[in-house]
Amino acid sequence: MPRIQYDQIAPGTVKALYGVHAYVEKGKINEHLRTLVTLRVSQVNGCGFCVDMHTQELRKLGETQQRIDCLVAWSETDLYTPREQTAFKFAEAVTLISQTHVPDDIFALARTEFTDEEIVDLAMAVVDINSWNRMAITFRKFPARRDS
């Protein structure tokens, strides 16, 4: 059970988050890669609500179950393109910023796969999902149970 229904008590918070999300959706990172990244960041943060949501979104986008299942261990597979792998490395570094400070080598790697504008948009996508993860985790928003 949620601690507080933050979207009802302070709807302006959700409105503000949706503003960032609207920017991200119009950005240079395509929906498929962006959703892979949001799932990966949600896995890193341990946000069950967002993991559930983005897994469903990826299925609707036609992603294979194998790639969804293996995303948690993406660096131990050959299932992802170099561009996707770079996005995951970058997203993890930004998500764990207090530990990594986004190392120069990861930023340089991002520049081999993404334009500067795409890097900014990728960073905003990571900021966006980190914000949603933190709200869902803080207020204990859980995924709805589904049969099968």
Protein backbone atom coordinates (compact mmCIF):
# COMPACT_ATOMS: atom_id res chain seq x y z
CA MET A 1 0.00 0.00 0.00
CA PRO A 2 1.36 3.43 -0.89
CA ARG A 3 2.54 5.69 1.93
CA ILE A 4 1.00 8.78 0.33
CA GLN A 5 -0.93 9.22 -2.91
CA TYR A 6 1.49 11.94 -4.01
CA ASP A 7 -0.21 12.43 -7.36
CA GLN A 8 -3.46 13.29 -5.56
CA ILE A 9 -2.02 15.27 -2.65
CA ALA A 10 0.37 17.35 -4.75
CA PRO A 11 -0.69 17.07 -8.40
CA GLY A 12 1.75 19.83 -9.32
CA THR A 13 4.62 17.42 -8.69
CA VAL A 14 3.33 15.04 -11.32
CA LYS A 15 2.60 17.92 -13.69
CA ALA A 16 6.21 19.09 -13.33
CA LEU A 17 7.55 15.59 -13.97
CA TYR A 18 5.33 15.25 -17.03
CA GLY A 19 6.82 18.48 -18.36
CA VAL A 20 10.29 16.93 -18.35
CA HIS A 21 8.88 13.71 -19.75
CA ALA A 22 7.21 15.57 -22.63
CA TYR A 23 10.59 17.09 -23.55
CA VAL A 24 12.26 13.66 -23.41
CA GLU A 25 9.61 12.07 -25.63
CA LYS A 26 10.27 14.68 -28.33
CA GLY A 27 14.05 14.36 -28.05
CA LYS A 28 16.57 12.75 -30.35
CA ILE A 29 16.61 9.34 -28.63
CA ASN A 30 14.13 7.01 -30.31
CA GLU A 31 11.35 5.48 -28.25
CA HIS A 32 12.70 1.95 -28.34
CA LEU A 33 16.18 2.83 -27.05
CA ARG A 34 14.73 5.32 -24.57
CA THR A 35 12.45 2.62 -23.14
CA LEU A 36 15.32 0.13 -22.88
CA VAL A 37 17.27 2.77 -20.97
CA THR A 38 14.33 3.56 -18.68
CA LEU A 39 13.93 -0.12 -17.89
CA ARG A 40 17.64 -0.48 -17.17
CA VAL A 41 17.70 2.57 -14.89
CA SER A 42 14.59 1.31 -13.09
CA GLN A 43 16.36 -2.03 -12.54
CA VAL A 44 19.41 -0.27 -11.11
CA ASN A 45 17.20 1.77 -8.77
CA GLY A 46 15.07 -1.23 -7.80
CA CYS A 47 11.77 0.40 -8.76
CA GLY A 48 9.28 -2.44 -9.16
CA PHE A 49 6.50 -0.17 -10.40
CA CYS A 50 8.65 1.26 -13.20
CA VAL A 51 10.27 -2.08 -14.08
CA ASP A 52 6.79 -3.51 -14.56
CA MET A 53 5.59 -0.54 -16.62
CA HIS A 54 8.59 -0.34 -18.94
CA THR A 55 8.70 -4.10 -19.44
CA GLN A 56 5.12 -3.92 -20.69
CA GLU A 57 5.98 -0.95 -22.92
CA LEU A 58 8.89 -2.83 -24.47
CA ARG A 59 6.65 -5.81 -25.25
CA LYS A 60 4.22 -3.46 -27.01
CA LEU A 61 7.15 -2.02 -28.97
CA GLY A 62 7.98 -5.54 -30.19
CA GLU A 63 11.01 -6.18 -28.01
CA THR A 64 11.91 -9.84 -27.55
CA GLN A 65 11.38 -11.46 -24.19
CA GLN A 66 14.99 -12.65 -24.19
CA ARG A 67 16.35 -9.11 -24.48
CA ILE A 68 13.94 -7.89 -21.79
CA ASP A 69 14.95 -10.74 -19.46
CA CYS A 70 18.68 -10.29 -20.05
CA LEU A 71 18.76 -6.50 -19.72
CA VAL A 72 19.60 -6.82 -16.03
CA ALA A 73 22.87 -8.50 -17.13
CA TRP A 74 23.31 -6.72 -20.48
CA SER A 75 27.10 -6.54 -20.24
CA GLU A 76 27.29 -10.33 -19.96
CA THR A 77 25.51 -10.93 -23.28
CA ASP A 78 25.92 -10.14 -26.96
CA LEU A 79 22.22 -9.32 -27.37
CA TYR A 80 22.57 -5.53 -27.54
CA THR A 81 24.08 -3.26 -30.17
CA PRO A 82 27.15 -1.14 -29.41
CA ARG A 83 24.88 1.95 -29.35
CA GLU A 84 22.56 0.30 -26.81
CA GLN A 85 25.49 -0.86 -24.69
CA THR A 86 26.91 2.65 -24.68
CA ALA A 87 23.54 4.07 -23.68
CA PHE A 88 23.33 1.59 -20.79
CA LYS A 89 26.86 2.44 -19.57
CA PHE A 90 26.09 6.14 -19.73
CA ALA A 91 22.69 5.74 -18.05
CA GLU A 92 24.17 3.68 -15.23
CA ALA A 93 26.94 6.24 -14.66
CA VAL A 94 24.43 9.10 -14.52
CA THR A 95 22.12 7.11 -12.24
CA LEU A 96 24.97 6.25 -9.86
CA ILE A 97 26.46 9.75 -10.12
CA SER A 98 27.45 9.97 -6.45
CA GLN A 99 29.68 6.93 -7.01
CA THR A 100 30.83 7.47 -10.59
CA HIS A 101 30.74 11.21 -11.28
CA VAL A 102 30.20 10.09 -14.91
CA PRO A 103 33.80 9.21 -15.79
CA ASP A 104 35.51 10.87 -18.74
CA ASP A 105 35.96 7.53 -20.52
CA ILE A 106 32.22 6.82 -20.42
CA PHE A 107 31.43 10.32 -21.66
CA ALA A 108 33.99 9.91 -24.45
CA LEU A 109 32.45 6.55 -25.34
CA ALA A 110 29.02 8.19 -25.53
CA ARG A 111 30.45 10.64 -28.06
CA THR A 112 31.40 7.73 -30.34
CA GLU A 113 27.77 6.57 -30.61
CA PHE A 114 25.75 9.76 -30.05
CA THR A 115 25.82 13.36 -31.19
CA ASP A 116 26.19 16.04 -28.54
CA GLU A 117 22.46 16.79 -28.81
CA GLU A 118 21.63 13.11 -28.39
CA ILE A 119 23.88 12.94 -25.31
CA VAL A 120 21.97 15.82 -23.74
CA ASP A 121 18.66 14.12 -24.58
CA LEU A 122 19.92 10.79 -23.25
CA ALA A 123 20.99 12.47 -20.02
CA MET A 124 17.55 14.08 -19.72
CA ALA A 125 15.89 10.70 -20.28
CA VAL A 126 17.97 9.31 -17.42
CA VAL A 127 17.15 12.29 -15.19
CA ASP A 128 13.47 11.83 -16.05
CA ILE A 129 13.27 8.15 -15.11
CA ASN A 130 15.41 8.66 -12.01
CA SER A 131 12.88 11.25 -10.84
CA TRP A 132 9.93 8.92 -11.43
CA ASN A 133 11.80 6.04 -9.74
CA ARG A 134 12.53 8.13 -6.69
CA MET A 135 8.89 9.20 -6.33
CA ALA A 136 7.56 5.66 -6.76
CA ILE A 137 10.09 4.16 -4.35
CA THR A 138 9.72 6.90 -1.72
CA PHE A 139 5.95 6.63 -1.63
CA ARG A 140 5.82 2.83 -2.15
CA LYS A 141 3.94 2.79 -5.43
CA PHE A 142 3.76 -0.87 -6.42
CA PRO A 143 2.77 -2.49 -9.70
CA ALA A 144 -0.76 -3.81 -9.96
CA ARG A 145 -1.02 -7.59 -9.81
CA ARG A 146 -1.96 -9.28 -13.06
CA ASP A 147 -2.98 -12.83 -13.77
CA SER A 148 -0.27 -14.46 -15.89
